[in-house]
Amino acid sequence: MNIELGPAMGIVGIIFGIYMGYLNFKKVETKDAKIDAAGDAELKTDIKYIARGVEDIRVDMKVQEKRHSDLSERVVRVEESSKSAHLRLDTLNK
């Protein structure tokens, strides 16, 4: 059983190279997964922040609509009061 050392070392080197390549592939794959997860987490955080901002804007809009409605009612009352005052003034001037 004479096995030449050269081809045996070559086969061992090939097997070792394939194994190291596989380990490196797994390491890079894990690292990429962590980077992707971090990116996804950041994106989800940004979306939540935007959603909270939109909700705050909706609340502010409702408050502004209420103020606008109240102001419109007051303007109508002031116009009615003004009309009534003009009628009284017109009757005094006659």
C-alpha atoms as a PDB file:
ATOM      1  CA  MET A   1       0.000   0.000   0.000  1.00  0.00           C
ATOM      2  CA  ASN A   2       2.065   2.726  -1.249  1.00  0.00           C
ATOM      3  CA  ILE A   3       0.069   5.911  -1.275  1.00  0.00           C
ATOM      4  CA  GLU A   4       1.883   8.793  -2.688  1.00  0.00           C
ATOM      5  CA  LEU A   5       1.967  11.716  -0.331  1.00  0.00           C
ATOM      6  CA  GLY A   6       1.327  14.402  -2.981  1.00  0.00           C
ATOM      7  CA  PRO A   7      -2.145  13.327  -4.167  1.00  0.00           C
ATOM      8  CA  ALA A   8      -3.218  12.487  -0.592  1.00  0.00           C
ATOM      9  CA  MET A   9      -2.152  15.950   0.585  1.00  0.00           C
ATOM     10  CA  GLY A  10      -3.987  17.469  -2.374  1.00  0.00           C
ATOM     11  CA  ILE A  11      -7.214  15.665  -1.456  1.00  0.00           C
ATOM     12  CA  VAL A  12      -6.839  16.666   2.201  1.00  0.00           C
ATOM     13  CA  GLY A  13      -6.188  20.274   1.080  1.00  0.00           C
ATOM     14  CA  ILE A  14      -9.297  20.260  -1.131  1.00  0.00           C
ATOM     15  CA  ILE A  15     -11.465  18.873   1.677  1.00  0.00           C
ATOM     16  CA  PHE A  16     -10.012  21.415   4.118  1.00  0.00           C
ATOM     17  CA  GLY A  17     -10.600  24.235   1.607  1.00  0.00           C
ATOM     18  CA  ILE A  18     -14.219  23.200   1.073  1.00  0.00           C
ATOM     19  CA  TYR A  19     -14.766  22.997   4.851  1.00  0.00           C
ATOM     20  CA  MET A  20     -13.223  26.453   5.437  1.00  0.00           C
ATOM     21  CA  GLY A  21     -15.275  27.893   2.577  1.00  0.00           C
ATOM     22  CA  TYR A  22     -18.436  26.455   4.133  1.00  0.00           C
ATOM     23  CA  LEU A  23     -17.565  27.933   7.546  1.00  0.00           C
ATOM     24  CA  ASN A  24     -16.882  31.322   5.967  1.00  0.00           C
ATOM     25  CA  PHE A  25     -20.180  31.131   4.063  1.00  0.00           C
ATOM     26  CA  LYS A  26     -22.080  30.421   7.291  1.00  0.00           C
ATOM     27  CA  LYS A  27     -20.288  33.270   9.080  1.00  0.00           C
ATOM     28  CA  VAL A  28     -21.140  35.746   6.307  1.00  0.00           C
ATOM     29  CA  GLU A  29     -24.718  34.457   6.146  1.00  0.00           C
ATOM     30  CA  THR A  30     -25.154  34.982   9.902  1.00  0.00           C
ATOM     31  CA  LYS A  31     -23.621  38.450   9.679  1.00  0.00           C
ATOM     32  CA  ASP A  32     -25.917  39.366   6.772  1.00  0.00           C
ATOM     33  CA  ALA A  33     -28.928  38.097   8.721  1.00  0.00           C
ATOM     34  CA  LYS A  34     -27.982  40.298  11.678  1.00  0.00           C
ATOM     35  CA  ILE A  35     -27.566  43.329   9.407  1.00  0.00           C
ATOM     36  CA  ASP A  36     -30.923  42.631   7.759  1.00  0.00           C
ATOM     37  CA  ALA A  37     -32.593  42.237  11.149  1.00  0.00           C
ATOM     38  CA  ALA A  38     -31.115  45.507  12.352  1.00  0.00           C
ATOM     39  CA  GLY A  39     -32.331  47.242   9.186  1.00  0.00           C
ATOM     40  CA  ASP A  40     -35.803  45.765   9.593  1.00  0.00           C
ATOM     41  CA  ALA A  41     -35.952  46.853  13.232  1.00  0.00           C
ATOM     42  CA  GLU A  42     -34.928  50.392  12.282  1.00  0.00           C
ATOM     43  CA  LEU A  43     -37.544  50.471   9.537  1.00  0.00           C
ATOM     44  CA  LYS A  44     -40.260  49.264  11.922  1.00  0.00           C
ATOM     45  CA  THR A  45     -39.227  51.913  14.446  1.00  0.00           C
ATOM     46  CA  ASP A  46     -39.418  54.609  11.773  1.00  0.00           C
ATOM     47  CA  ILE A  47     -42.870  53.417  10.691  1.00  0.00           C
ATOM     48  CA  LYS A  48     -44.107  53.477  14.300  1.00  0.00           C
ATOM     49  CA  TYR A  49     -42.710  57.009  14.705  1.00  0.00           C
ATOM     50  CA  ILE A  50     -44.495  58.143  11.539  1.00  0.00           C
ATOM     51  CA  ALA A  51     -47.739  56.473  12.653  1.00  0.00           C
ATOM     52  CA  ARG A  52     -47.579  58.298  15.996  1.00  0.00           C
ATOM     53  CA  GLY A  53     -46.962  61.573  14.154  1.00  0.00           C
ATOM     54  CA  VAL A  54     -49.970  60.985  11.906  1.00  0.00           C
ATOM     55  CA  GLU A  55     -52.133  60.189  14.940  1.00  0.00           C
ATOM     56  CA  ASP A  56     -50.978  63.404  16.636  1.00  0.00           C
ATOM     57  CA  ILE A  57     -51.882  65.348  13.493  1.00  0.00           C
ATOM     58  CA  ARG A  58     -55.349  63.754  13.467  1.00  0.00           C
ATOM     59  CA  VAL A  59     -55.921  64.777  17.079  1.00  0.00           C
ATOM     60  CA  ASP A  60     -54.769  68.326  16.304  1.00  0.00           C
ATOM     61  CA  MET A  61     -57.069  68.433  13.277  1.00  0.00           C
ATOM     62  CA  LYS A  62     -60.059  67.413  15.412  1.00  0.00           C
ATOM     63  CA  VAL A  63     -59.242  70.153  17.922  1.00  0.00           C
ATOM     64  CA  GLN A  64     -58.940  72.717  15.125  1.00  0.00           C
ATOM     65  CA  GLU A  65     -62.239  71.575  13.591  1.00  0.00           C
ATOM     66  CA  LYS A  66     -63.926  72.009  16.992  1.00  0.00           C
ATOM     67  CA  ARG A  67     -62.457  75.506  17.370  1.00  0.00           C
ATOM     68  CA  HIS A  68     -63.550  76.400  13.838  1.00  0.00           C
ATOM     69  CA  SER A  69     -67.066  75.145  14.534  1.00  0.00           C
ATOM     70  CA  ASP A  70     -67.265  77.115  17.795  1.00  0.00           C
ATOM     71  CA  LEU A  71     -65.975  80.247  16.086  1.00  0.00           C
ATOM     72  CA  SER A  72     -68.501  79.862  13.257  1.00  0.00           C
ATOM     73  CA  GLU A  73     -71.324  79.656  15.786  1.00  0.00           C
ATOM     74  CA  ARG A  74     -70.073  82.771  17.555  1.00  0.00           C
ATOM     75  CA  VAL A  75     -69.843  84.688  14.277  1.00  0.00           C
ATOM     76  CA  VAL A  76     -73.459  83.769  13.485  1.00  0.00           C
ATOM     77  CA  ARG A  77     -74.574  85.013  16.919  1.00  0.00           C
ATOM     78  CA  VAL A  78     -72.586  88.235  16.527  1.00  0.00           C
ATOM     79  CA  GLU A  79     -74.139  88.840  13.098  1.00  0.00           C
ATOM     80  CA  GLU A  80     -77.628  88.269  14.536  1.00  0.00           C
ATOM     81  CA  SER A  81     -76.886  90.611  17.426  1.00  0.00           C
ATOM     82  CA  SER A  82     -75.513  93.214  15.042  1.00  0.00           C
ATOM     83  CA  LYS A  83     -78.606  92.950  12.856  1.00  0.00           C
ATOM     84  CA  SER A  84     -80.827  93.380  15.894  1.00  0.00           C
ATOM     85  CA  ALA A  85     -78.800  96.393  17.046  1.00  0.00           C
ATOM     86  CA  HIS A  86     -79.080  98.017  13.606  1.00  0.00           C
ATOM     87  CA  LEU A  87     -82.845  97.538  13.653  1.00  0.00           C
ATOM     88  CA  ARG A  88     -83.073  99.220  17.065  1.00  0.00           C
ATOM     89  CA  LEU A  89     -80.846 102.074  15.896  1.00  0.00           C
ATOM     90  CA  ASP A  90     -82.979 102.513  12.773  1.00  0.00           C
ATOM     91  CA  THR A  91     -86.133 102.779  14.907  1.00  0.00           C
ATOM     92  CA  LEU A  92     -84.481 105.362  17.196  1.00  0.00           C
ATOM     93  CA  ASN A  93     -83.438 107.535  14.240  1.00  0.00           C
ATOM     94  CA  LYS A  94     -86.978 107.766  12.865  1.00  0.00           C
END
